[in-house]
Protein backbone atom coordinates (compact mmCIF):
# COMPACT_ATOMS: atom_id res chain seq x y z
CA MET A 1 -19.11 -24.03 7.10
CA GLN A 2 -17.94 -24.93 10.60
CA ALA A 3 -15.54 -22.56 12.31
CA ALA A 4 -12.75 -25.14 12.50
CA ASN A 5 -13.00 -25.96 8.80
CA ARG A 6 -13.05 -22.27 7.92
CA VAL A 7 -9.89 -21.65 9.94
CA VAL A 8 -8.12 -24.55 8.20
CA MET A 9 -9.24 -23.39 4.75
CA ASN A 10 -8.31 -19.74 5.34
CA THR A 11 -4.92 -20.73 6.73
CA GLY A 12 -4.27 -22.94 3.72
CA LEU A 13 -5.24 -20.17 1.31
CA LEU A 14 -2.94 -17.66 2.97
CA TYR A 15 -0.01 -20.05 3.07
CA GLY A 16 -0.61 -21.00 -0.55
CA LYS A 17 -0.69 -17.34 -1.53
CA MET A 18 2.52 -16.71 0.38
CA LEU A 19 4.37 -19.54 -1.35
CA VAL A 20 3.19 -18.55 -4.83
CA THR A 21 3.94 -14.85 -4.37
CA ILE A 22 7.39 -15.57 -2.91
CA PHE A 23 8.45 -17.61 -5.93
CA ILE A 24 7.00 -15.11 -8.40
CA SER A 25 8.54 -12.16 -6.55
CA LEU A 26 11.98 -13.75 -6.47
CA TYR A 27 11.91 -14.27 -10.23
CA SER A 28 10.43 -10.81 -10.85
CA THR A 29 13.14 -9.14 -8.78
CA ARG A 30 15.83 -10.90 -10.80
CA LEU A 31 14.27 -9.70 -14.06
CA VAL A 32 13.85 -6.13 -12.82
CA LEU A 33 17.43 -5.97 -11.59
CA SER A 34 18.64 -7.29 -14.92
CA ALA A 35 16.55 -4.76 -16.87
CA LEU A 36 17.32 -1.68 -14.76
CA GLY A 37 20.88 -2.35 -13.70
CA ALA A 38 22.29 -1.94 -10.21
CA ARG A 39 22.31 1.88 -10.20
CA ASP A 40 18.73 2.46 -11.37
CA TYR A 41 17.41 -0.39 -9.26
CA GLY A 42 19.09 1.16 -6.23
CA ILE A 43 17.58 4.57 -7.03
CA PHE A 44 14.10 3.07 -7.28
CA ASN A 45 14.38 1.22 -3.97
CA LEU A 46 15.80 4.29 -2.25
CA ILE A 47 12.88 6.48 -3.33
CA ALA A 48 10.31 3.77 -2.63
CA GLY A 49 11.85 3.47 0.84
CA VAL A 50 11.39 7.19 1.48
CA ILE A 51 7.70 6.91 0.58
CA ALA A 52 7.31 3.87 2.83
CA MET A 53 8.81 5.78 5.75
CA LEU A 54 6.29 8.60 5.34
CA SER A 55 3.26 6.33 4.84
CA PHE A 56 3.48 4.42 8.13
CA LEU A 57 -0.02 5.64 8.96
CA ASN A 58 -1.36 3.16 6.44
CA MET A 59 -0.32 0.10 8.46
CA ALA A 60 -1.52 1.53 11.76
CA LEU A 61 -4.95 2.52 10.49
CA THR A 62 -5.48 -0.79 8.70
CA LEU A 63 -5.50 -2.50 12.10
CA SER A 64 -7.82 0.14 13.50
CA THR A 65 -10.32 -0.11 10.65
CA GLN A 66 -10.37 -3.90 10.62
CA ARG A 67 -10.94 -3.99 14.38
CA TYR A 68 -14.01 -1.77 14.13
CA MET A 69 -15.37 -3.63 11.08
CA SER A 70 -14.96 -7.05 12.70
CA TYR A 71 -16.48 -5.94 16.01
CA ASN A 72 -19.61 -4.45 14.45
CA LEU A 73 -19.97 -7.28 11.96
CA GLY A 74 -19.98 -9.76 14.84
CA GLY A 75 -22.60 -7.68 16.63
CA GLY A 76 -24.88 -7.74 13.60
CA ASP A 77 -25.47 -3.98 13.61
CA MET A 78 -25.44 -3.17 9.89
CA GLU A 79 -26.22 0.52 10.34
CA ARG A 80 -23.26 0.90 12.68
CA LEU A 81 -21.13 -1.10 10.24
CA LYS A 82 -22.01 1.29 7.44
CA LYS A 83 -21.07 4.23 9.66
CA VAL A 84 -17.72 2.60 10.43
CA PHE A 85 -16.97 2.01 6.75
CA ASN A 86 -17.91 5.52 5.65
CA ALA A 87 -15.98 7.07 8.53
CA SER A 88 -13.01 4.99 7.45
CA ILE A 89 -13.37 6.14 3.84
CA LEU A 90 -13.42 9.79 4.93
CA LEU A 91 -10.52 9.27 7.34
CA HIS A 92 -8.28 7.61 4.77
CA LEU A 93 -9.21 10.10 2.06
CA LEU A 94 -8.18 12.99 4.31
CA LEU A 95 -5.02 11.18 5.33
CA GLY A 96 -4.20 10.38 1.73
CA ILE A 97 -4.57 14.02 0.68
CA GLY A 98 -2.56 15.16 3.69
CA LEU A 99 0.24 12.73 2.98
CA VAL A 100 0.39 13.79 -0.67
CA VAL A 101 1.03 17.34 0.53
CA VAL A 102 3.67 16.07 2.98
CA PHE A 103 5.31 13.95 0.28
CA GLU A 104 5.56 16.83 -2.16
CA VAL A 105 6.95 19.27 0.41
CA ALA A 106 9.38 16.65 1.74
CA GLY A 107 10.49 15.86 -1.82
CA TYR A 108 11.91 19.36 -2.21
CA PHE A 109 14.19 18.90 0.80
CA LEU A 110 15.03 15.27 0.08
CA PHE A 111 16.26 15.90 -3.45
CA GLY A 112 17.86 19.20 -2.61
CA HIS A 113 19.58 18.45 0.67
CA VAL A 114 19.43 14.79 1.72
CA LEU A 115 19.51 12.14 -1.01
CA ASN A 116 22.53 11.57 -3.23
CA ILE A 117 21.27 10.98 -6.75
CA PRO A 118 23.57 11.07 -9.82
CA PRO A 119 22.91 14.38 -11.66
CA GLU A 120 22.09 12.61 -14.93
CA ARG A 121 19.34 10.60 -13.19
CA LEU A 122 17.95 13.37 -11.00
CA SER A 123 15.04 14.27 -13.31
CA ALA A 124 14.07 10.61 -13.63
CA ALA A 125 14.30 10.17 -9.85
CA LYS A 126 11.95 13.11 -9.26
CA LEU A 127 9.42 11.69 -11.72
CA ILE A 128 9.64 8.31 -9.98
CA TYR A 129 9.00 10.06 -6.68
CA HIS A 130 5.75 11.51 -8.04
CA PHE A 131 4.69 8.08 -9.29
CA MET A 132 5.36 6.65 -5.83
CA VAL A 133 3.28 9.42 -4.24
CA VAL A 134 0.35 8.45 -6.48
CA SER A 135 0.84 4.79 -5.61
CA ALA A 136 0.94 5.58 -1.88
CA PHE A 137 -2.27 7.63 -2.12
CA PHE A 138 -4.24 4.85 -3.78
CA THR A 139 -2.82 2.28 -1.37
CA ILE A 140 -4.01 4.37 1.57
CA ILE A 141 -7.55 4.88 0.29
CA SER A 142 -7.87 1.15 -0.44
CA VAL A 143 -7.43 0.29 3.27
CA PRO A 144 -11.19 0.32 4.09
CA TYR A 145 -11.79 -2.24 1.36
CA ASP A 146 -8.93 -4.42 2.61
CA ALA A 147 -10.40 -4.20 6.11
CA THR A 148 -13.84 -5.17 4.82
CA ILE A 149 -12.49 -8.21 2.97
CA ASN A 150 -10.52 -9.33 6.04
CA ALA A 151 -13.46 -8.74 8.40
CA ARG A 152 -15.64 -10.85 6.12
CA GLU A 153 -12.94 -13.54 6.20
CA ASN A 154 -12.84 -13.69 2.42
CA MET A 155 -9.36 -15.17 2.37
CA LEU A 156 -9.91 -16.60 -1.11
CA LEU A 157 -10.14 -13.07 -2.48
CA VAL A 158 -7.13 -12.01 -0.41
CA ALA A 159 -5.13 -14.89 -1.87
CA LEU A 160 -6.29 -14.25 -5.43
CA THR A 161 -5.59 -10.50 -5.31
CA GLY A 162 -2.17 -11.15 -3.78
CA ILE A 163 -1.30 -13.62 -6.52
CA ALA A 164 -2.75 -11.29 -9.17
CA GLU A 165 -0.56 -8.47 -7.88
CA ALA A 166 2.52 -10.69 -8.05
CA VAL A 167 1.61 -11.78 -11.60
CA MET A 168 1.10 -8.16 -12.68
CA LYS A 169 4.51 -7.26 -11.30
CA LEU A 170 5.98 -10.22 -13.17
CA ALA A 171 4.34 -8.96 -16.36
CA VAL A 172 5.88 -5.53 -15.74
CA ALA A 173 9.30 -7.14 -15.24
CA LEU A 174 8.95 -9.08 -18.50
CA LEU A 175 7.85 -5.94 -20.35
CA LEU A 176 10.96 -4.11 -19.17
CA GLN A 177 13.26 -6.60 -20.86
CA ASN A 178 12.52 -5.22 -24.35
CA ALA A 179 11.50 -1.66 -23.46
CA GLY A 180 13.15 1.02 -25.56
CA SER A 181 12.30 4.05 -23.41
CA ASP A 182 13.68 4.90 -19.97
CA ARG A 183 13.12 1.64 -18.12
CA LEU A 184 13.31 3.20 -14.67
CA ILE A 185 10.49 5.64 -15.38
CA LEU A 186 8.46 2.95 -17.12
CA PHE A 187 8.85 0.62 -14.15
CA ALA A 188 7.73 3.28 -11.68
CA GLY A 189 4.74 4.24 -13.83
CA LEU A 190 3.57 0.66 -14.27
CA SER A 191 4.04 -0.02 -10.56
CA ALA A 192 1.75 2.92 -9.76
CA ALA A 193 -0.75 1.67 -12.35
CA THR A 194 -0.76 -1.73 -10.63
CA ALA A 195 -1.69 -0.15 -7.29
CA ILE A 196 -4.50 1.85 -8.93
CA ALA A 197 -5.88 -1.21 -10.73
CA LEU A 198 -5.96 -3.28 -7.54
CA MET A 199 -7.72 -0.51 -5.62
CA LEU A 200 -10.38 -0.13 -8.30
CA PHE A 201 -10.99 -3.89 -8.40
CA LYS A 202 -11.40 -4.08 -4.61
CA ARG A 203 -13.75 -1.11 -4.62
CA ILE A 204 -15.97 -2.58 -7.34
CA TYR A 205 -15.99 -6.05 -5.76
CA CYS A 206 -16.81 -4.80 -2.25
CA SER A 207 -19.48 -2.39 -3.50
CA VAL A 208 -21.25 -5.22 -5.30
CA LYS A 209 -20.70 -7.98 -2.74
CA TYR A 210 -20.97 -6.20 0.62
CA PRO A 211 -23.75 -3.63 1.24
CA GLU A 212 -21.81 -1.82 3.98
CA SER A 213 -19.07 -0.97 1.46
CA ARG A 214 -21.17 1.47 -0.54
CA ILE A 215 -20.00 5.03 -0.04
CA ARG A 216 -22.63 7.26 1.58
CA ILE A 217 -20.51 9.67 3.59
CA GLY A 218 -23.21 12.34 3.87
CA LYS A 219 -25.81 9.87 5.14
CA TYR A 220 -23.59 7.95 7.57
CA LYS A 221 -21.25 10.74 8.72
CA ASP A 222 -20.38 10.36 12.41
CA MET A 223 -17.67 12.74 13.64
CA ALA A 224 -17.51 11.15 17.09
CA LEU A 225 -16.81 7.76 15.52
CA LEU A 226 -14.23 9.33 13.19
CA LYS A 227 -12.33 10.80 16.13
CA GLU A 228 -12.55 7.54 18.04
CA MET A 229 -11.13 5.53 15.13
CA PHE A 230 -8.30 8.01 14.62
CA ALA A 231 -7.44 7.95 18.33
CA TYR A 232 -7.40 4.16 18.38
CA GLY A 233 -5.19 4.05 15.30
CA GLY A 234 -2.76 6.44 16.97
CA TRP A 235 -1.77 3.78 19.48
CA ASN A 236 -0.70 1.52 16.63
CA MET A 237 1.49 4.21 15.07
CA PHE A 238 4.35 3.75 17.50
CA GLY A 239 4.96 0.15 16.47
CA ALA A 240 4.42 0.96 12.79
CA VAL A 241 6.96 3.81 12.90
CA SER A 242 9.55 1.55 14.51
CA VAL A 243 9.11 -1.27 11.99
CA VAL A 244 9.16 0.95 8.91
CA THR A 245 12.11 2.99 10.17
CA ARG A 246 14.05 -0.18 10.85
CA ASN A 247 13.33 -1.63 7.42
CA GLN A 248 13.57 1.47 5.24
CA GLY A 249 15.82 3.82 7.19
CA THR A 250 18.93 1.75 6.47
CA ALA A 251 18.77 2.52 2.74
CA MET A 252 18.64 6.27 3.40
CA ILE A 253 21.52 6.16 5.90
CA LEU A 254 23.70 4.21 3.49
CA ASN A 255 22.86 6.61 0.67
CA VAL A 256 23.58 9.75 2.69
CA PHE A 257 26.76 8.74 4.49
CA LEU A 258 28.51 6.21 2.26
CA GLU A 259 28.26 8.46 -0.80
CA ARG A 260 29.94 11.25 1.15
CA SER A 261 32.70 9.12 2.67
């Protein structure tokens, strides 16, 4: 396929995905709000916002990984490409474990001293927090597979997985309408399950389709490359911190100060 035709097709796929997911997400949000109610929906978004603030490394390192994958793919050096992928797997695994520790330690202070959660919903909020930690971990370790798919310019898969994620969230929203148990906990648990399912699908697909995506950390371990990728990703952290703080920090500020006023 010619480069111009590929650009047109990939652009069309991404715009099509965006339109479909926007419409599905708007309807899903309405259903979730109706099922949970304003208070529980606010609690979920507050806690999800806290996790998003702490997981800004994910966005920064996605750019770093994709840059290295694309560069080495263009150069045709498959051995180097395999080293990049395995270094990325190790890097994101370590970061994921580290952030889980940070999340759990931060959760003690957030629930004890910062966030204002109604006492009758405090236990549910803590359980939701743990579900969000699990979701964040699997989202982080799926970054190398996202970078591989983007570097390979497989925008059809990007569009299909994005639409599939939106459809799964719609199915969760529909399931909540008739749920008899605690809908807030059920919603958080199913949201985490969605993230895990998507990560597993991407891992299986990439392992079968792209040879460089097979995990061989012991064989392709390169500590110099690992440090280089981490250093490069650090330059992207500043912008990522600013964007996430702007988007998610407002919810925390409103929760802390308006509840006390």
